[in-house]
N, C-alpha and C. Protein backbone atom coordinates (compact mmCIF):
# COMPACT_ATOMS: atom_id res chain seq x y z
N MET A 1 88.24 98.99 104.39
CA MET A 1 89.41 99.51 105.74
C MET A 1 90.52 98.43 105.29
N TYR A 2 91.03 99.06 106.40
CA TYR A 2 92.31 98.40 106.14
C TYR A 2 92.98 97.46 107.07
N PHE A 3 93.34 96.32 106.75
CA PHE A 3 93.63 94.98 107.20
C PHE A 3 95.28 94.85 107.04
N ARG A 4 95.48 94.00 108.34
CA ARG A 4 96.16 93.47 108.53
C ARG A 4 97.01 92.35 107.93
N VAL A 5 97.17 91.28 107.47
CA VAL A 5 96.77 90.27 107.15
C VAL A 5 97.92 89.09 107.41
N ARG A 6 98.26 87.29 107.89
CA ARG A 6 99.29 87.28 107.32
C ARG A 6 99.02 86.11 105.95
N LEU A 7 99.86 86.16 105.21
CA LEU A 7 99.76 84.55 104.01
C LEU A 7 101.00 84.29 103.53
N THR A 8 100.32 83.19 103.36
CA THR A 8 101.83 82.20 102.52
C THR A 8 101.93 82.30 101.12
N ASP A 9 102.95 81.85 100.07
CA ASP A 9 103.42 82.38 99.21
C ASP A 9 104.34 81.39 98.82
N LYS A 10 104.89 81.04 97.46
CA LYS A 10 106.01 80.59 97.21
C LYS A 10 106.74 81.81 96.24
N VAL A 11 108.46 82.07 96.86
CA VAL A 11 108.93 83.07 96.43
C VAL A 11 110.17 82.04 95.58
N ARG A 12 110.21 82.92 94.74
CA ARG A 12 111.25 82.43 93.84
C ARG A 12 112.56 83.89 94.24
N VAL A 13 113.45 83.14 94.07
CA VAL A 13 114.73 84.12 94.72
C VAL A 13 115.59 84.08 93.20
N PRO A 14 115.91 84.91 92.75
CA PRO A 14 117.08 84.83 91.51
C PRO A 14 118.64 84.47 92.00
N PRO A 15 119.06 83.36 91.02
CA PRO A 15 120.15 83.08 91.06
C PRO A 15 121.33 84.40 92.04
N ASP A 16 121.26 84.84 91.22
CA ASP A 16 122.38 86.57 91.68
C ASP A 16 122.34 87.23 92.73
N ARG A 17 121.24 86.91 93.29
CA ARG A 17 120.39 87.24 95.02
C ARG A 17 120.34 86.17 96.34
N LEU A 18 121.89 84.84 95.70
CA LEU A 18 121.64 83.66 96.51
C LEU A 18 122.12 84.25 97.67
N GLY A 19 122.89 84.84 97.71
CA GLY A 19 124.66 84.92 98.70
C GLY A 19 124.21 86.23 99.64
N GLU A 20 122.83 86.68 99.45
CA GLU A 20 122.28 87.17 100.85
C GLU A 20 121.49 87.36 101.52
N ASP A 21 121.10 88.27 102.44
CA ASP A 21 120.52 87.63 103.29
C ASP A 21 118.50 87.25 102.91
N LEU A 22 118.95 86.02 103.67
CA LEU A 22 117.74 86.04 102.16
C LEU A 22 116.09 85.62 103.09
N PHE A 23 115.92 86.53 104.15
CA PHE A 23 115.14 87.16 104.33
C PHE A 23 114.24 88.73 104.19
N LYS A 24 115.64 89.22 103.92
CA LYS A 24 115.80 90.90 103.27
C LYS A 24 115.65 90.51 101.73
N VAL A 25 116.02 89.52 100.79
CA VAL A 25 116.14 89.37 99.28
C VAL A 25 114.45 88.66 99.37
N VAL A 26 113.66 87.97 100.18
CA VAL A 26 112.42 87.62 99.71
C VAL A 26 111.56 88.95 99.63
N LEU A 27 112.19 89.94 101.03
CA LEU A 27 110.83 90.74 101.72
C LEU A 27 111.03 91.67 100.59
N SER A 28 112.37 92.05 100.08
CA SER A 28 112.39 93.04 98.55
C SER A 28 111.58 92.52 97.20
N VAL A 29 111.62 91.21 96.99
CA VAL A 29 111.08 90.07 96.15
C VAL A 29 109.32 90.29 95.84
N LEU A 30 109.04 90.33 97.30
CA LEU A 30 107.59 90.22 97.92
C LEU A 30 106.42 91.87 97.25
N GLN A 31 107.24 92.79 97.46
CA GLN A 31 107.13 94.06 97.98
C GLN A 31 106.94 94.49 96.56
N ASP A 32 108.66 93.81 95.34
CA ASP A 32 107.86 94.33 94.69
C ASP A 32 107.35 93.29 93.11
N GLN A 33 106.54 92.57 93.60
CA GLN A 33 105.65 91.82 93.18
C GLN A 33 104.29 92.05 93.90
N LEU A 34 104.12 92.64 94.25
CA LEU A 34 102.62 92.77 95.62
C LEU A 34 102.36 94.06 95.51
N GLU A 35 102.93 95.22 96.37
CA GLU A 35 102.86 95.93 96.43
C GLU A 35 101.87 97.50 95.26
N GLY A 36 100.83 97.33 95.26
CA GLY A 36 100.11 98.27 94.18
C GLY A 36 99.41 97.28 93.54
N SER A 37 99.40 95.60 93.93
CA SER A 37 98.72 94.81 92.90
C SER A 37 96.97 94.45 93.62
N ILE A 38 96.05 93.79 93.25
CA ILE A 38 94.98 93.60 93.40
C ILE A 38 94.70 92.38 93.22
N ASP A 39 94.41 91.29 94.79
CA ASP A 39 94.50 89.91 94.44
C ASP A 39 92.13 90.68 94.77
N ARG A 40 91.24 89.63 94.40
CA ARG A 40 90.11 90.23 94.38
C ARG A 40 89.54 89.25 96.44
N ASP A 41 90.19 88.11 96.18
CA ASP A 41 90.04 87.87 97.71
C ASP A 41 90.57 88.23 98.85
N ILE A 42 91.88 89.30 98.18
CA ILE A 42 92.61 89.66 99.82
C ILE A 42 92.75 91.10 99.58
N GLY A 43 92.46 92.23 98.60
CA GLY A 43 92.44 93.30 98.57
C GLY A 43 93.06 94.13 97.84
N ILE A 44 93.72 94.88 98.25
CA ILE A 44 94.31 95.87 97.15
C ILE A 44 95.95 96.15 98.23
N PHE A 45 97.00 95.34 97.28
CA PHE A 45 97.84 95.75 98.83
C PHE A 45 98.73 96.95 99.03
N ILE A 46 98.84 97.54 99.67
CA ILE A 46 99.42 98.28 100.38
C ILE A 46 100.50 98.38 100.35
N ALA A 47 101.56 97.26 101.76
CA ALA A 47 102.57 97.41 101.76
C ALA A 47 102.72 95.83 102.64
N VAL A 48 103.99 95.69 102.40
CA VAL A 48 104.16 94.20 102.70
C VAL A 48 105.61 94.43 103.77
N ASN A 49 104.82 94.12 104.87
CA ASN A 49 105.25 94.57 106.11
C ASN A 49 106.69 93.58 106.58
N GLU A 50 106.41 92.34 106.47
CA GLU A 50 107.60 91.48 107.65
C GLU A 50 107.60 89.89 106.52
N VAL A 51 108.41 89.45 106.75
CA VAL A 51 108.59 88.05 106.18
C VAL A 51 108.58 87.41 108.03
N ILE A 52 107.99 86.12 107.95
CA ILE A 52 107.65 85.48 109.10
C ILE A 52 108.75 84.85 109.25
N GLU A 53 108.46 83.57 108.23
CA GLU A 53 109.15 82.68 108.27
C GLU A 53 109.69 81.85 106.51
N VAL A 54 110.77 81.00 106.72
CA VAL A 54 111.36 80.86 104.84
C VAL A 54 111.52 79.33 105.58
N GLY A 55 110.45 78.65 104.32
CA GLY A 55 110.58 77.53 104.29
C GLY A 55 112.10 76.87 103.53
N GLU A 56 112.24 75.30 103.49
CA GLU A 56 113.12 75.33 102.75
C GLU A 56 113.27 75.00 101.44
N GLY A 57 114.44 75.65 100.68
CA GLY A 57 113.94 75.78 99.02
C GLY A 57 113.76 74.62 98.00
N GLU A 58 113.32 74.86 97.15
CA GLU A 58 113.12 73.95 96.01
C GLU A 58 114.19 74.34 95.23
N LEU A 59 114.38 73.44 94.24
CA LEU A 59 115.08 73.70 92.60
C LEU A 59 114.27 73.28 92.01
N VAL A 60 114.00 73.90 90.49
CA VAL A 60 113.29 73.43 89.38
C VAL A 60 114.66 73.41 88.61
N PRO A 61 114.21 72.40 87.70
CA PRO A 61 115.49 71.67 86.46
C PRO A 61 115.07 72.59 85.74
N GLY A 62 116.34 73.11 85.19
CA GLY A 62 116.84 74.31 84.33
C GLY A 62 116.66 75.65 84.25
N ASP A 63 116.02 75.45 85.72
CA ASP A 63 115.80 77.38 86.31
C ASP A 63 116.59 77.09 87.47
N GLY A 64 117.77 78.28 86.99
CA GLY A 64 119.15 78.58 88.70
C GLY A 64 118.49 78.76 89.84
N ALA A 65 117.05 79.28 90.21
CA ALA A 65 116.59 80.33 91.01
C ALA A 65 116.15 78.91 91.74
N VAL A 66 115.76 79.44 93.41
CA VAL A 66 115.67 78.54 94.48
C VAL A 66 114.51 79.32 94.87
N TYR A 67 113.14 78.20 94.59
CA TYR A 67 111.73 78.24 95.32
C TYR A 67 111.78 78.05 96.68
N TYR A 68 111.17 79.11 97.73
CA TYR A 68 110.98 79.36 98.94
C TYR A 68 109.12 79.28 99.50
N ASP A 69 109.06 78.45 100.26
CA ASP A 69 107.69 78.77 100.61
C ASP A 69 107.38 79.63 102.44
N VAL A 70 106.93 81.21 101.79
CA VAL A 70 107.00 81.68 103.44
C VAL A 70 105.68 82.24 103.65
N THR A 71 105.63 83.11 104.62
CA THR A 71 105.16 83.29 105.54
C THR A 71 105.24 85.20 105.80
N PHE A 72 104.52 85.87 105.48
CA PHE A 72 104.43 87.14 105.62
C PHE A 72 103.45 87.90 105.81
N GLU A 73 103.79 89.37 106.01
CA GLU A 73 102.83 89.96 106.96
C GLU A 73 102.43 91.45 105.58
N ALA A 74 101.34 91.37 105.53
CA ALA A 74 100.82 92.64 104.76
C ALA A 74 100.18 93.70 104.89
N ILE A 75 100.12 94.53 105.03
CA ILE A 75 98.31 95.46 105.18
C ILE A 75 98.41 95.72 103.66
N VAL A 76 96.68 95.24 103.22
CA VAL A 76 95.98 95.39 102.66
C VAL A 76 94.30 96.55 102.94
N LEU A 77 94.22 96.96 101.46
CA LEU A 77 92.71 97.57 101.61
C LEU A 77 91.95 96.88 100.83
N ARG A 78 90.72 96.49 101.76
CA ARG A 78 89.40 95.83 101.23
C ARG A 78 87.91 96.72 101.18
N LEU A 79 87.61 97.73 100.52
CA LEU A 79 86.14 98.14 99.78
C LEU A 79 85.38 96.91 99.70
N ALA A 80 83.93 97.48 100.38
CA ALA A 80 83.09 96.79 100.32
C ALA A 80 82.12 97.50 100.15
N LEU A 81 80.10 96.93 98.83
CA LEU A 81 79.54 98.25 98.32
C LEU A 81 79.41 98.41 99.71
N GLN A 82 78.83 100.13 99.64
CA GLN A 82 78.25 100.79 100.92
C GLN A 82 79.07 101.00 102.31
N GLU A 83 80.34 100.44 101.85
CA GLU A 83 81.33 100.88 102.55
C GLU A 83 81.91 102.88 103.22
N VAL A 84 81.22 103.36 104.04
CA VAL A 84 81.86 104.28 104.08
C VAL A 84 82.52 104.82 104.22
N ILE A 85 83.94 105.56 103.16
CA ILE A 85 85.08 105.72 103.47
C ILE A 85 85.68 107.42 103.82
N GLU A 86 86.65 107.65 104.02
CA GLU A 86 86.66 109.01 104.17
C GLU A 86 88.48 109.24 103.19
N GLY A 87 88.61 110.04 102.49
CA GLY A 87 89.27 110.11 101.13
C GLY A 87 89.90 111.69 100.84
N ILE A 88 90.83 112.31 100.35
CA ILE A 88 91.30 113.55 99.51
C ILE A 88 91.00 113.59 98.44
N VAL A 89 90.46 114.97 97.87
CA VAL A 89 90.06 114.87 96.48
C VAL A 89 91.29 115.49 96.23
N VAL A 90 91.40 114.81 94.69
CA VAL A 90 93.30 115.08 94.14
C VAL A 90 93.25 115.68 93.04
N GLU A 91 91.61 116.01 92.46
CA GLU A 91 91.16 116.14 91.24
C GLU A 91 89.59 116.77 91.06
N THR A 92 89.95 117.56 90.52
CA THR A 92 88.29 118.11 89.59
C THR A 92 88.35 118.51 88.13
N THR A 93 87.02 117.54 87.85
CA THR A 93 86.79 118.26 86.52
C THR A 93 85.70 118.24 86.50
N THR A 94 84.86 118.54 85.12
CA THR A 94 83.78 119.25 84.75
C THR A 94 83.25 118.22 85.05
N PHE A 95 83.04 117.19 85.66
CA PHE A 95 82.53 115.75 85.08
C PHE A 95 81.96 115.09 86.83
N GLY A 96 83.13 115.80 87.82
CA GLY A 96 83.09 115.25 88.70
C GLY A 96 85.12 115.32 89.86
N ALA A 97 84.84 114.72 91.08
CA ALA A 97 86.55 114.56 91.43
C ALA A 97 86.71 112.97 91.64
N PHE A 98 88.05 113.64 91.54
CA PHE A 98 88.63 112.31 91.66
C PHE A 98 89.18 112.11 93.27
N VAL A 99 88.92 110.74 94.05
CA VAL A 99 89.04 110.66 95.72
C VAL A 99 89.84 110.06 95.63
N SER A 100 91.38 110.15 96.33
CA SER A 100 92.39 109.72 96.69
C SER A 100 91.69 108.51 97.71
N LEU A 101 91.80 107.43 98.06
CA LEU A 101 92.11 106.45 99.42
C LEU A 101 92.99 105.88 99.66
N GLY A 102 94.77 106.28 99.26
CA GLY A 102 95.41 105.32 99.59
C GLY A 102 96.16 105.60 97.92
N PRO A 103 96.34 103.66 97.97
CA PRO A 103 96.23 102.67 96.82
C PRO A 103 95.92 103.38 95.74
N ILE A 104 94.61 103.73 95.64
CA ILE A 104 93.61 103.68 94.21
C ILE A 104 93.14 105.07 94.57
N ASP A 105 92.76 105.72 93.52
CA ASP A 105 91.89 106.88 93.11
C ASP A 105 90.07 106.41 92.89
N ALA A 106 89.00 107.07 93.80
CA ALA A 106 88.04 107.00 93.68
C ALA A 106 87.23 107.92 92.56
N MET A 107 86.35 107.98 91.79
CA MET A 107 85.39 108.92 91.22
C MET A 107 84.05 109.54 92.47
N LEU A 108 83.88 110.50 91.87
CA LEU A 108 82.37 111.11 93.20
C LEU A 108 82.08 112.10 91.52
N HIS A 109 81.09 111.54 90.49
CA HIS A 109 80.55 111.90 89.99
C HIS A 109 79.76 113.26 90.48
N VAL A 110 79.25 114.52 89.40
CA VAL A 110 79.02 115.52 89.77
C VAL A 110 77.09 114.91 90.22
N SER A 111 76.74 114.31 90.30
CA SER A 111 75.65 113.93 90.10
C SER A 111 75.18 113.25 91.28
N GLN A 112 76.23 112.81 92.09
CA GLN A 112 76.36 112.01 92.92
C GLN A 112 76.93 113.67 94.89
N ILE A 113 77.09 114.18 94.11
CA ILE A 113 77.86 115.31 95.26
C ILE A 113 76.70 115.86 96.00
N SER A 114 75.82 116.20 95.43
CA SER A 114 74.77 116.89 96.39
C SER A 114 73.03 116.89 94.85
N ASP A 115 72.25 117.39 96.11
CA ASP A 115 70.60 116.85 95.33
C ASP A 115 71.20 118.57 94.06
N GLU A 116 71.81 119.47 94.37
CA GLU A 116 71.91 120.51 93.95
C GLU A 116 72.50 120.70 92.58
N PHE A 117 71.77 122.21 91.99
CA PHE A 117 72.63 121.32 90.68
C PHE A 117 74.31 121.91 90.85
N ILE A 118 75.18 121.73 90.07
CA ILE A 118 76.56 121.98 90.51
C ILE A 118 77.04 122.58 89.11
N ASN A 119 78.24 123.66 89.95
CA ASN A 119 79.01 124.02 88.26
C ASN A 119 80.34 123.82 88.90
N TYR A 120 81.26 124.17 87.75
CA TYR A 120 82.67 123.71 88.00
C TYR A 120 83.09 125.20 87.72
N ASP A 121 83.73 125.18 88.81
CA ASP A 121 84.79 126.65 88.62
C ASP A 121 86.36 126.13 88.85
N GLU A 122 86.52 125.85 87.09
CA GLU A 122 87.82 126.05 86.90
C GLU A 122 88.99 126.69 86.97
N LYS A 123 89.07 127.75 87.12
CA LYS A 123 90.21 128.39 87.53
C LYS A 123 90.53 128.29 89.36
N ASN A 124 89.60 128.01 90.57
CA ASN A 124 89.57 127.58 91.26
C ASN A 124 89.58 125.71 91.84
N ALA A 125 89.95 125.05 90.47
CA ALA A 125 89.62 123.73 90.77
C ALA A 125 88.54 123.40 91.99
N ARG A 126 87.07 124.01 91.58
CA ARG A 126 86.18 123.56 92.70
C ARG A 126 85.24 123.18 92.49
N LEU A 127 83.94 122.15 92.83
CA LEU A 127 82.78 122.06 92.46
C LEU A 127 81.46 123.40 93.64
N ILE A 128 80.89 123.46 92.98
CA ILE A 128 80.25 124.48 93.76
C ILE A 128 78.91 124.25 93.78
N CYS A 129 78.27 124.18 94.91
CA CYS A 129 77.02 123.63 94.78
C CYS A 129 75.96 124.98 94.30
N GLN A 130 74.84 125.19 93.19
CA GLN A 130 74.81 126.79 92.97
C GLN A 130 73.05 127.26 94.49
N GLU A 131 72.89 126.68 94.77
CA GLU A 131 72.27 126.90 96.01
C GLU A 131 72.77 127.51 97.01
N SER A 132 73.23 126.63 97.33
CA SER A 132 73.81 126.70 98.69
C SER A 132 75.59 127.08 99.19
N LYS A 133 75.94 126.92 97.67
CA LYS A 133 76.77 127.66 97.91
C LYS A 133 78.61 126.58 98.33
N LYS A 134 78.17 125.75 98.98
CA LYS A 134 79.32 124.63 99.54
C LYS A 134 79.74 124.53 98.22
N TYR A 135 80.94 124.03 98.53
CA TYR A 135 81.96 123.84 97.24
C TYR A 135 83.19 122.40 97.55
N VAL A 136 83.35 121.20 96.93
CA VAL A 136 84.55 120.63 97.00
C VAL A 136 85.60 121.04 96.09
N GLY A 137 86.85 121.16 96.92
CA GLY A 137 88.21 121.09 95.72
C GLY A 137 89.19 120.31 95.74
N VAL A 138 90.08 120.63 95.61
CA VAL A 138 91.49 119.83 95.63
C VAL A 138 91.68 120.03 96.91
N GLY A 139 92.09 119.48 97.30
CA GLY A 139 92.68 118.87 98.72
C GLY A 139 91.84 118.89 100.18
N ASP A 140 90.93 118.93 99.69
CA ASP A 140 89.67 118.77 100.55
C ASP A 140 89.55 117.12 101.20
N VAL A 141 88.74 117.15 102.20
CA VAL A 141 88.85 115.73 102.89
C VAL A 141 87.00 115.42 102.45
N VAL A 142 86.47 114.70 102.15
CA VAL A 142 85.51 113.94 102.09
C VAL A 142 84.78 112.68 102.24
N ARG A 143 84.00 113.08 103.23
CA ARG A 143 83.15 111.27 103.54
C ARG A 143 82.18 110.78 102.10
N ALA A 144 82.43 109.62 101.99
CA ALA A 144 81.64 109.31 101.23
C ALA A 144 81.34 107.88 101.14
N ARG A 145 80.27 107.16 100.54
CA ARG A 145 80.05 106.10 100.36
C ARG A 145 80.23 104.70 98.92
N VAL A 146 80.91 103.97 99.30
CA VAL A 146 81.42 103.41 98.08
C VAL A 146 79.47 102.67 97.46
N VAL A 147 79.66 102.78 96.37
CA VAL A 147 78.44 102.69 95.22
C VAL A 147 78.56 101.34 93.98
N THR A 148 79.75 101.77 93.47
CA THR A 148 80.41 100.99 92.89
C THR A 148 81.89 100.35 92.67
N MET A 149 81.46 99.50 92.63
CA MET A 149 83.41 98.86 92.06
C MET A 149 83.91 97.81 91.14
N SER A 150 84.28 97.91 90.25
CA SER A 150 84.89 97.04 89.62
C SER A 150 86.93 97.20 89.33
N LEU A 151 86.85 96.18 90.17
CA LEU A 151 88.20 96.48 90.51
C LEU A 151 89.24 95.53 89.57
N SER A 152 90.16 95.34 88.96
CA SER A 152 91.14 94.86 87.51
C SER A 152 92.54 94.08 88.42
N GLU A 153 92.60 93.36 88.44
CA GLU A 153 93.90 92.39 88.70
C GLU A 153 94.49 92.45 88.00
N ARG A 154 94.65 92.02 86.96
CA ARG A 154 96.09 92.71 85.84
C ARG A 154 96.29 94.05 85.68
N GLU A 155 95.10 94.79 85.23
CA GLU A 155 95.30 96.66 84.82
C GLU A 155 95.18 97.11 86.55
N PRO A 156 95.85 97.08 88.02
CA PRO A 156 95.27 98.04 88.69
C PRO A 156 95.03 99.04 88.60
N ARG A 157 95.61 99.81 87.58
CA ARG A 157 95.31 101.57 87.43
C ARG A 157 93.46 102.01 86.70
N GLU A 158 93.23 100.31 86.30
CA GLU A 158 92.12 100.82 85.40
C GLU A 158 90.79 99.97 86.09
N SER A 159 90.88 99.76 87.21
CA SER A 159 90.26 99.69 88.43
C SER A 159 88.88 100.72 88.08
N LYS A 160 87.93 101.00 88.66
CA LYS A 160 86.86 101.89 88.71
C LYS A 160 86.36 101.48 90.10
N ILE A 161 85.85 102.65 90.92
CA ILE A 161 85.20 103.21 92.02
C ILE A 161 84.71 103.87 91.93
N GLY A 162 83.10 103.99 92.42
CA GLY A 162 82.44 104.93 92.44
C GLY A 162 81.61 105.41 93.24
N LEU A 163 81.93 107.12 94.28
CA LEU A 163 81.53 107.42 94.95
C LEU A 163 79.91 107.90 94.99
N THR A 164 79.30 107.82 96.11
CA THR A 164 78.69 109.00 96.69
C THR A 164 78.84 110.16 98.19
N MET A 165 77.92 111.10 97.87
CA MET A 165 77.91 112.25 98.94
C MET A 165 76.41 112.08 99.36
N ARG A 166 75.45 111.69 98.52
CA ARG A 166 74.04 112.42 98.80
C ARG A 166 73.34 111.64 99.67
N GLN A 167 74.21 111.27 100.60
CA GLN A 167 73.20 110.88 101.81
C GLN A 167 73.90 111.62 103.16
N PRO A 168 72.92 111.46 103.97
CA PRO A 168 73.24 112.19 105.38
C PRO A 168 74.30 111.99 106.26
N GLY A 169 74.76 112.89 106.38
CA GLY A 169 76.34 112.33 107.34
C GLY A 169 77.16 112.34 106.29
N LEU A 170 77.05 113.03 105.29
CA LEU A 170 78.47 112.41 103.64
C LEU A 170 78.34 113.92 103.45
N GLY A 171 79.43 114.27 102.98
CA GLY A 171 80.46 115.51 102.45
C GLY A 171 81.62 115.28 102.27
N ALA A 172 81.79 116.83 102.27
CA ALA A 172 83.26 117.61 102.39
C ALA A 172 83.34 117.47 103.64
N GLU A 173 84.43 117.45 104.20
CA GLU A 173 84.83 117.83 106.10
C GLU A 173 83.95 119.11 106.54
N SER A 174 84.38 120.24 105.82
CA SER A 174 83.61 121.61 105.54
C SER A 174 82.20 121.56 106.14
N TRP A 175 81.63 120.49 105.49
CA TRP A 175 79.96 120.69 105.32
C TRP A 175 79.60 120.33 106.95
N LEU A 176 80.29 118.69 106.96
CA LEU A 176 79.88 118.28 108.48
C LEU A 176 80.12 118.60 109.52
N VAL A 177 80.91 119.50 109.44
CA VAL A 177 81.91 120.72 110.55
C VAL A 177 80.70 121.65 110.58
N GLU A 178 80.48 122.50 109.51
CA GLU A 178 79.12 123.04 109.58
C GLU A 178 77.78 122.69 110.01
N GLU A 179 77.15 121.71 109.42
CA GLU A 179 76.16 121.02 110.16
C GLU A 179 76.18 120.84 111.47
N TYR A 180 77.38 120.30 112.14
CA TYR A 180 77.76 119.79 113.50
C TYR A 180 76.97 121.36 114.43
N GLU A 181 78.02 121.68 113.47
CA GLU A 181 77.71 123.46 114.83
C GLU A 181 76.54 124.00 114.90
N LYS A 182 75.69 123.96 113.46
CA LYS A 182 74.78 124.25 113.50
C LYS A 182 73.38 123.24 114.32
N GLU A 183 73.38 122.21 114.31
CA GLU A 183 73.07 121.18 115.47
C GLU A 183 73.10 121.38 116.60
N ARG A 184 74.54 122.15 117.32
CA ARG A 184 75.15 122.18 119.11
C ARG A 184 74.29 123.22 119.03
N ALA A 185 74.37 124.49 117.80
CA ALA A 185 73.30 126.14 118.56
C ALA A 185 72.18 125.48 118.80
N LYS A 186 71.42 124.72 117.70
CA LYS A 186 69.91 124.50 117.55
C LYS A 186 69.58 124.24 119.52
N ARG A 187 70.72 122.70 120.06
CA ARG A 187 70.12 122.09 120.63
C ARG A 187 71.08 123.56 121.99
N GLY A 188 71.29 124.36 121.69
CA GLY A 188 71.81 124.84 123.26
C GLY A 188 70.80 125.89 123.58
N SER A 189 70.26 126.16 122.36
CA SER A 189 69.36 127.59 122.15
C SER A 189 67.82 127.47 122.87
N ALA A 190 67.88 125.14 122.57
CA ALA A 190 66.17 125.01 123.16
C ALA A 190 66.05 124.93 124.40
């Protein structure tokens, strides 16, 4: 889930940027340092929106920079195990699909797509359920549940998130619409 958070930190403003607008410099430094990074307690930083307050600067002997205590606002993504999320399929392979959750991709293994056997259609970049012929392809919106999570603060790109769609109410958007229409038709005829 996405959150807007208010945080405080100490920001180093390099000496060559001391003549510029302080709030703009601090915002720029925070964006460079935080956006795309992961903090286990805070989440995955999507964007640093605004610098709210800049305190008095501190000098450190031997360093020409000034260090400021700042309060700022950021947007973060905090995933939780068993959370239901929606994402877009950005790649398919013989072993599954990669689903973009915005700042990070998650893995949807073929064994977690359906109870049916899955065939890979390389030409059309789709994973097809053998019996029902339902498929998941690049560009499809899917609803899935987070079942595994290993976030790396040092190397965010090495983070691994596993998804499943093998439960009622989960699947490709087209599947869910089809199921809804069938239920509606049943109720209308009864």
